[in-house]
Amino acid sequence: MKRLIVILLMLSALPLSAQIDRKEVRAGNRALRKGDAAAAELEYRKAVAKDTASVAGWNNLGVVLSGKGDKQGAAEAFGKALQSSAAPKDLIRSSFNLGTVAIDTRNWQEAVKLFRNVLLMDPDNMLAKERYTYAKKMLQDQQQNQDQQQNQDQQQNQDQDQNQDQDQNQDQQDPPEDQPEDQPEDPDGDQQNQQDQQNQQDQQNQQNRPDQQNQDHGQDGQQQRQQISPQQARQMLQAVQAKEKETQDKVKKEKAALLKSRQKEKNW
C-alpha cells in the first residue's frame, strides 16, 4: 500500500488540467494516504463522473484499480486518461501508466509502443528506458518462440501428409488380406468341384453295391430314381458300360489264351 501511495503521489505531482474535479481528486488522495483504497476509489469515480475528461481522476482511479489486481479496469481508466490528455506531461504520465499495465498483462507489443512514445517525449526518463528495453526483449523472445512453434507445426503437418501418402501407396500395392493374391475367389468353381466329387463318390458306392441296387423296388425304388440327377444317370451308364467292356476284354483274353494252349498241344 505504501508503494501504491508513492506512485500515486508521483503521478499527482503534475498540475491538474481542470479545476472542476479538484475537490474529489484531493479527497481521494487523502483517503489513499490513510490506507483507505475503497474510499479513494469512490472519490476518484466521483471526479470522473463530474468531468469525464479529468486526466488526474482517470489516472488516479487506474492506479487504485491496478493496486487491487483489476488490470482490465486499470487499462480502461489509463486509456481514457490518455484520450483526455493534451499537455505533454499528461501524455507522458498516461502513456507510462498504460504501458506498465501492458507489461503486467504480458502485452509486449503494446508496451513497446507506449514506452517508445514516452521516450520520444521524455528521452531522459530512465525508468521508461528500462521498461522499454525489457518489453522489447520479451517481444523478440515471444516472436521467436512463435516462429519456432509455427515451423514445428508445419513440419508435423508435412510428416503427417507424408505418412498418409505412404499408407495410401501401401494400400494400393498390397492385396486384400481376405483374398489370396494368386487365387481369386470362384464360388461357382468351388461348388462345381464339390458336386463332381460327390458324384464320383456316389458312383463308387453304387459300383460297390450292385446287389442293393437290384433289390430296390416299389415306392422306395421310384423315389431313389427320382432323386438321381441326369448327370448322375449318365455317369452311372458310363460306369456300367465301362464294366461291361472290361468284362468283354477279359473274356477275349481268356479265349485267346485257351486257343493258344490248344495249338501247343496239337503241335506236341
Protein backbone atom coordinates (compact mmCIF):
# COMPACT_ATOMS: atom_id res chain seq x y z
CA MET A 1 0.00 0.00 0.00
CA LYS A 2 2.88 2.40 0.72
CA ARG A 3 4.29 1.73 -2.74
CA LEU A 4 0.90 2.47 -4.26
CA ILE A 5 0.69 5.75 -2.35
CA VAL A 6 4.17 6.75 -3.52
CA ILE A 7 3.28 6.04 -7.15
CA LEU A 8 0.03 7.95 -6.84
CA LEU A 9 1.73 10.96 -5.31
CA MET A 10 4.31 10.95 -8.08
CA LEU A 11 1.59 10.83 -10.71
CA SER A 12 -0.39 13.57 -8.99
CA ALA A 13 2.55 15.94 -8.76
CA LEU A 14 1.71 17.46 -12.13
CA PRO A 15 -0.78 20.36 -12.18
CA LEU A 16 -4.40 19.41 -12.91
CA SER A 17 -5.79 20.18 -16.34
CA ALA A 18 -9.12 21.29 -14.92
CA GLN A 19 -10.46 22.61 -11.59
CA ILE A 20 -13.92 21.02 -11.65
CA ASP A 21 -12.67 17.66 -10.35
CA ARG A 22 -10.07 19.07 -7.96
CA LYS A 23 -12.10 18.61 -4.78
CA GLU A 24 -12.86 14.92 -5.36
CA VAL A 25 -9.32 14.15 -6.51
CA ARG A 26 -7.84 15.74 -3.35
CA ALA A 27 -10.33 13.82 -1.22
CA GLY A 28 -9.30 10.59 -2.92
CA ASN A 29 -5.63 11.38 -2.33
CA ARG A 30 -6.25 11.95 1.40
CA ALA A 31 -8.17 8.68 1.70
CA LEU A 32 -5.40 6.82 -0.07
CA ARG A 33 -2.75 8.26 2.28
CA LYS A 34 -4.76 6.88 5.16
CA GLY A 35 -4.77 3.45 3.53
CA ASP A 36 -8.47 3.51 2.61
CA ALA A 37 -8.30 2.41 -1.03
CA ALA A 38 -12.07 1.84 -1.23
CA ALA A 39 -12.84 5.43 -0.18
CA ALA A 40 -10.18 6.72 -2.57
CA GLU A 41 -11.70 4.78 -5.46
CA LEU A 42 -15.13 6.22 -4.63
CA GLU A 43 -13.81 9.81 -4.70
CA TYR A 44 -11.98 9.29 -7.98
CA ARG A 45 -15.12 7.87 -9.55
CA LYS A 46 -16.98 10.97 -8.39
CA ALA A 47 -14.31 13.11 -10.05
CA VAL A 48 -14.59 11.38 -13.44
CA ALA A 49 -18.38 11.43 -13.17
CA LYS A 50 -18.29 15.24 -12.80
CA ASP A 51 -15.69 15.62 -15.54
CA THR A 52 -15.31 12.73 -17.96
CA ALA A 53 -12.15 14.38 -19.30
CA SER A 54 -10.46 14.51 -15.89
CA VAL A 55 -6.93 13.26 -16.60
CA ALA A 56 -5.98 13.21 -12.90
CA GLY A 57 -9.20 11.44 -11.92
CA TRP A 58 -8.77 8.71 -14.55
CA ASN A 59 -5.08 8.24 -13.84
CA ASN A 60 -5.52 8.01 -10.07
CA LEU A 61 -8.50 5.67 -10.47
CA GLY A 62 -6.36 3.45 -12.69
CA VAL A 63 -3.65 3.33 -10.01
CA VAL A 64 -6.15 2.19 -7.37
CA LEU A 65 -7.65 -0.47 -9.68
CA SER A 66 -4.21 -1.76 -10.64
CA GLY A 67 -3.25 -1.93 -6.96
CA LYS A 68 -6.14 -4.27 -6.18
CA GLY A 69 -5.47 -6.51 -9.20
CA ASP A 70 -8.09 -5.21 -11.64
CA LYS A 71 -5.75 -4.94 -14.62
CA GLN A 72 -8.53 -4.64 -17.17
CA GLY A 73 -10.25 -1.84 -15.24
CA ALA A 74 -6.90 -0.10 -14.79
CA ALA A 75 -6.15 -0.31 -18.53
CA GLU A 76 -9.55 1.21 -19.34
CA ALA A 77 -9.00 4.07 -16.86
CA PHE A 78 -5.49 4.83 -18.14
CA GLY A 79 -6.74 4.64 -21.72
CA LYS A 80 -9.42 7.26 -21.03
CA ALA A 81 -6.79 9.42 -19.32
CA LEU A 82 -4.62 9.17 -22.44
CA GLN A 83 -7.55 10.10 -24.68
CA SER A 84 -8.25 13.18 -22.49
CA SER A 85 -4.60 14.25 -22.34
CA ALA A 86 -3.48 17.29 -24.29
CA ALA A 87 -0.48 18.63 -22.40
CA PRO A 88 2.84 16.77 -22.92
CA LYS A 89 3.11 15.98 -19.20
CA ASP A 90 -0.34 14.40 -19.18
CA LEU A 91 0.50 12.39 -22.29
CA ILE A 92 3.73 11.14 -20.70
CA ARG A 93 2.01 10.17 -17.45
CA SER A 94 -0.93 8.38 -19.14
CA SER A 95 1.28 6.53 -21.65
CA PHE A 96 3.66 5.44 -18.88
CA ASN A 97 0.81 4.08 -16.72
CA LEU A 98 -0.85 2.29 -19.63
CA GLY A 99 2.50 0.79 -20.69
CA THR A 100 3.03 -0.54 -17.16
CA VAL A 101 -0.31 -2.35 -17.29
CA ALA A 102 0.65 -3.76 -20.71
CA ILE A 103 3.79 -5.26 -19.15
CA ASP A 104 1.77 -6.71 -16.27
CA THR A 105 -0.59 -8.38 -18.74
CA ARG A 106 2.32 -9.52 -20.97
CA ASN A 107 1.11 -7.46 -23.91
CA TRP A 108 4.66 -6.83 -25.07
CA GLN A 109 3.87 -5.22 -28.40
CA GLU A 110 1.59 -2.62 -26.79
CA ALA A 111 4.14 -1.97 -24.03
CA VAL A 112 6.93 -1.35 -26.56
CA LYS A 113 4.77 1.14 -28.45
CA LEU A 114 3.71 3.08 -25.32
CA PHE A 115 7.18 3.36 -23.78
CA ARG A 116 8.63 4.34 -27.14
CA ASN A 117 6.16 7.24 -27.18
CA VAL A 118 7.20 8.19 -23.65
CA LEU A 119 10.87 8.28 -24.66
CA LEU A 120 10.10 10.37 -27.72
CA MET A 121 8.55 12.99 -25.42
CA ASP A 122 10.94 12.47 -22.49
CA PRO A 123 14.27 10.97 -23.68
CA ASP A 124 15.86 11.25 -20.21
CA ASN A 125 13.21 9.14 -18.47
CA MET A 126 15.41 6.29 -17.21
CA LEU A 127 12.52 4.22 -15.83
CA ALA A 128 10.80 4.37 -19.22
CA LYS A 129 14.07 3.28 -20.90
CA GLU A 130 14.34 0.25 -18.61
CA ARG A 131 10.76 -0.81 -19.24
CA TYR A 132 11.05 -0.21 -22.97
CA THR A 133 14.19 -2.38 -23.16
CA TYR A 134 12.58 -5.12 -21.11
CA ALA A 135 9.35 -5.14 -23.16
CA LYS A 136 11.30 -5.16 -26.43
CA LYS A 137 13.38 -8.16 -25.34
CA MET A 138 10.30 -10.06 -24.26
CA LEU A 139 8.58 -9.26 -27.56
CA GLN A 140 11.54 -10.62 -29.52
CA ASP A 141 11.55 -13.82 -27.47
CA GLN A 142 7.82 -14.19 -27.97
CA GLN A 143 8.10 -13.77 -31.74
CA GLN A 144 11.00 -16.22 -31.87
CA ASN A 145 9.03 -18.81 -29.92
CA GLN A 146 6.05 -18.30 -32.18
CA ASP A 147 8.21 -18.79 -35.27
CA GLN A 148 9.69 -21.97 -33.83
CA GLN A 149 6.25 -23.29 -32.93
CA GLN A 150 4.97 -22.44 -36.40
CA ASN A 151 7.90 -24.27 -38.00
CA GLN A 152 7.29 -27.29 -35.79
CA ASP A 153 3.60 -27.30 -36.69
CA GLN A 154 4.42 -27.09 -40.40
CA GLN A 155 6.96 -29.91 -40.10
CA GLN A 156 4.46 -32.01 -38.19
CA ASN A 157 1.81 -31.40 -40.83
CA GLN A 158 4.25 -32.33 -43.57
CA ASP A 159 5.19 -35.53 -41.74
CA GLN A 160 1.53 -36.41 -41.34
CA ASP A 161 0.84 -35.78 -45.04
CA GLN A 162 3.85 -37.90 -45.99
CA ASN A 163 2.73 -40.74 -43.75
CA GLN A 164 -0.76 -40.60 -45.22
CA ASP A 165 0.66 -40.74 -48.76
CA GLN A 166 2.81 -43.74 -47.82
CA ASP A 167 -0.17 -45.51 -46.27
CA GLN A 168 -2.26 -44.89 -49.40
CA ASN A 169 0.51 -46.20 -51.67
CA GLN A 170 0.92 -49.28 -49.47
CA ASP A 171 -2.81 -49.93 -49.55
CA GLN A 172 -2.78 -49.76 -53.35
CA GLN A 173 0.16 -52.19 -53.63
CA ASP A 174 -0.90 -54.80 -51.06
CA PRO A 175 -3.65 -57.30 -51.99
CA PRO A 176 -6.68 -57.65 -49.71
CA GLU A 177 -5.95 -59.77 -46.65
CA ASP A 178 -9.09 -61.90 -47.06
CA GLN A 179 -8.29 -62.93 -50.66
CA PRO A 180 -5.08 -64.74 -51.81
CA GLU A 181 -3.05 -62.90 -54.40
CA ASP A 182 -2.84 -65.79 -56.92
CA GLN A 183 -6.13 -67.49 -56.06
CA PRO A 184 -9.14 -65.26 -56.74
CA GLU A 185 -12.45 -66.32 -55.31
CA ASP A 186 -14.60 -68.51 -57.56
CA PRO A 187 -17.74 -69.61 -55.72
CA ASP A 188 -19.18 -71.35 -58.80
CA GLY A 189 -15.99 -73.30 -59.37
CA ASP A 190 -15.88 -74.50 -55.76
CA GLN A 191 -19.49 -75.64 -55.94
CA GLN A 192 -18.85 -77.49 -59.22
CA ASN A 193 -15.81 -79.26 -57.74
CA GLN A 194 -17.80 -80.30 -54.70
CA GLN A 195 -20.62 -81.58 -56.94
CA ASP A 196 -18.16 -83.58 -59.09
CA GLN A 197 -16.57 -85.15 -56.02
CA GLN A 198 -19.99 -86.06 -54.66
CA ASN A 199 -20.99 -87.63 -57.96
CA GLN A 200 -17.79 -89.70 -58.08
CA GLN A 201 -18.38 -90.86 -54.53
CA ASP A 202 -21.97 -91.81 -55.36
CA GLN A 203 -20.81 -93.70 -58.45
CA GLN A 204 -18.21 -95.63 -56.47
CA ASN A 205 -20.77 -96.53 -53.81
CA GLN A 206 -23.15 -97.75 -56.48
CA GLN A 207 -20.45 -99.91 -58.09
CA ASN A 208 -19.59 -101.48 -54.75
CA ARG A 209 -23.25 -102.30 -54.02
CA PRO A 210 -24.76 -103.72 -57.25
CA ASP A 211 -26.99 -106.17 -55.39
CA GLN A 212 -28.56 -103.48 -53.33
CA GLN A 213 -29.38 -101.51 -56.47
CA ASN A 214 -31.11 -104.53 -57.98
CA GLN A 215 -33.11 -105.12 -54.81
CA ASP A 216 -34.60 -101.60 -54.83
CA HIS A 217 -38.22 -101.90 -55.97
CA GLY A 218 -41.67 -100.40 -55.41
CA GLN A 219 -42.10 -96.95 -53.99
CA ASP A 220 -38.55 -96.81 -52.49
CA GLY A 221 -37.02 -97.61 -55.86
CA GLN A 222 -39.11 -94.97 -57.59
CA GLN A 223 -38.08 -92.35 -55.04
CA GLN A 224 -34.40 -93.21 -55.50
CA ARG A 225 -34.72 -92.95 -59.31
CA GLN A 226 -36.49 -89.65 -58.94
CA GLN A 227 -33.67 -88.36 -56.77
CA ILE A 228 -30.94 -89.22 -59.36
CA SER A 229 -29.94 -86.26 -61.49
CA PRO A 230 -29.42 -86.56 -65.25
CA GLN A 231 -25.72 -86.10 -64.78
CA GLN A 232 -25.59 -88.90 -62.21
CA ALA A 233 -27.59 -91.12 -64.57
CA ARG A 234 -25.11 -90.53 -67.38
CA GLN A 235 -22.21 -91.27 -65.08
CA MET A 236 -23.88 -94.46 -63.88
CA LEU A 237 -24.45 -95.58 -67.50
CA GLN A 238 -20.84 -94.83 -68.39
CA ALA A 239 -19.72 -96.86 -65.38
CA VAL A 240 -21.87 -99.84 -66.42
CA GLN A 241 -20.58 -99.65 -69.99
CA ALA A 242 -17.01 -99.47 -68.75
CA LYS A 243 -17.64 -102.51 -66.56
CA GLU A 244 -19.08 -104.46 -69.48
CA LYS A 245 -16.16 -103.52 -71.73
CA GLU A 246 -13.75 -104.62 -69.03
CA THR A 247 -15.56 -107.97 -68.78
CA GLN A 248 -15.55 -108.44 -72.55
CA ASP A 249 -11.84 -107.68 -72.74
CA LYS A 250 -11.19 -110.19 -70.01
CA VAL A 251 -13.20 -112.90 -71.83
CA LYS A 252 -11.37 -112.23 -75.07
CA LYS A 253 -8.04 -112.57 -73.33
CA GLU A 254 -9.07 -115.85 -71.75
CA LYS A 255 -10.29 -117.21 -75.12
CA ALA A 256 -7.06 -116.18 -76.80
CA ALA A 257 -5.02 -117.87 -74.09
CA LEU A 258 -7.09 -121.08 -74.35
CA LEU A 259 -6.73 -121.17 -78.16
CA LYS A 260 -3.02 -120.70 -77.90
CA SER A 261 -2.77 -123.53 -75.39
CA ARG A 262 -4.67 -125.90 -77.64
CA GLN A 263 -2.40 -125.13 -80.59
CA LYS A 264 0.62 -126.06 -78.50
CA GLU A 265 -0.96 -129.36 -77.55
CA LYS A 266 -1.60 -130.18 -81.20
CA ASN A 267 2.00 -129.45 -82.04
CA TRP A 268 3.07 -131.98 -79.49
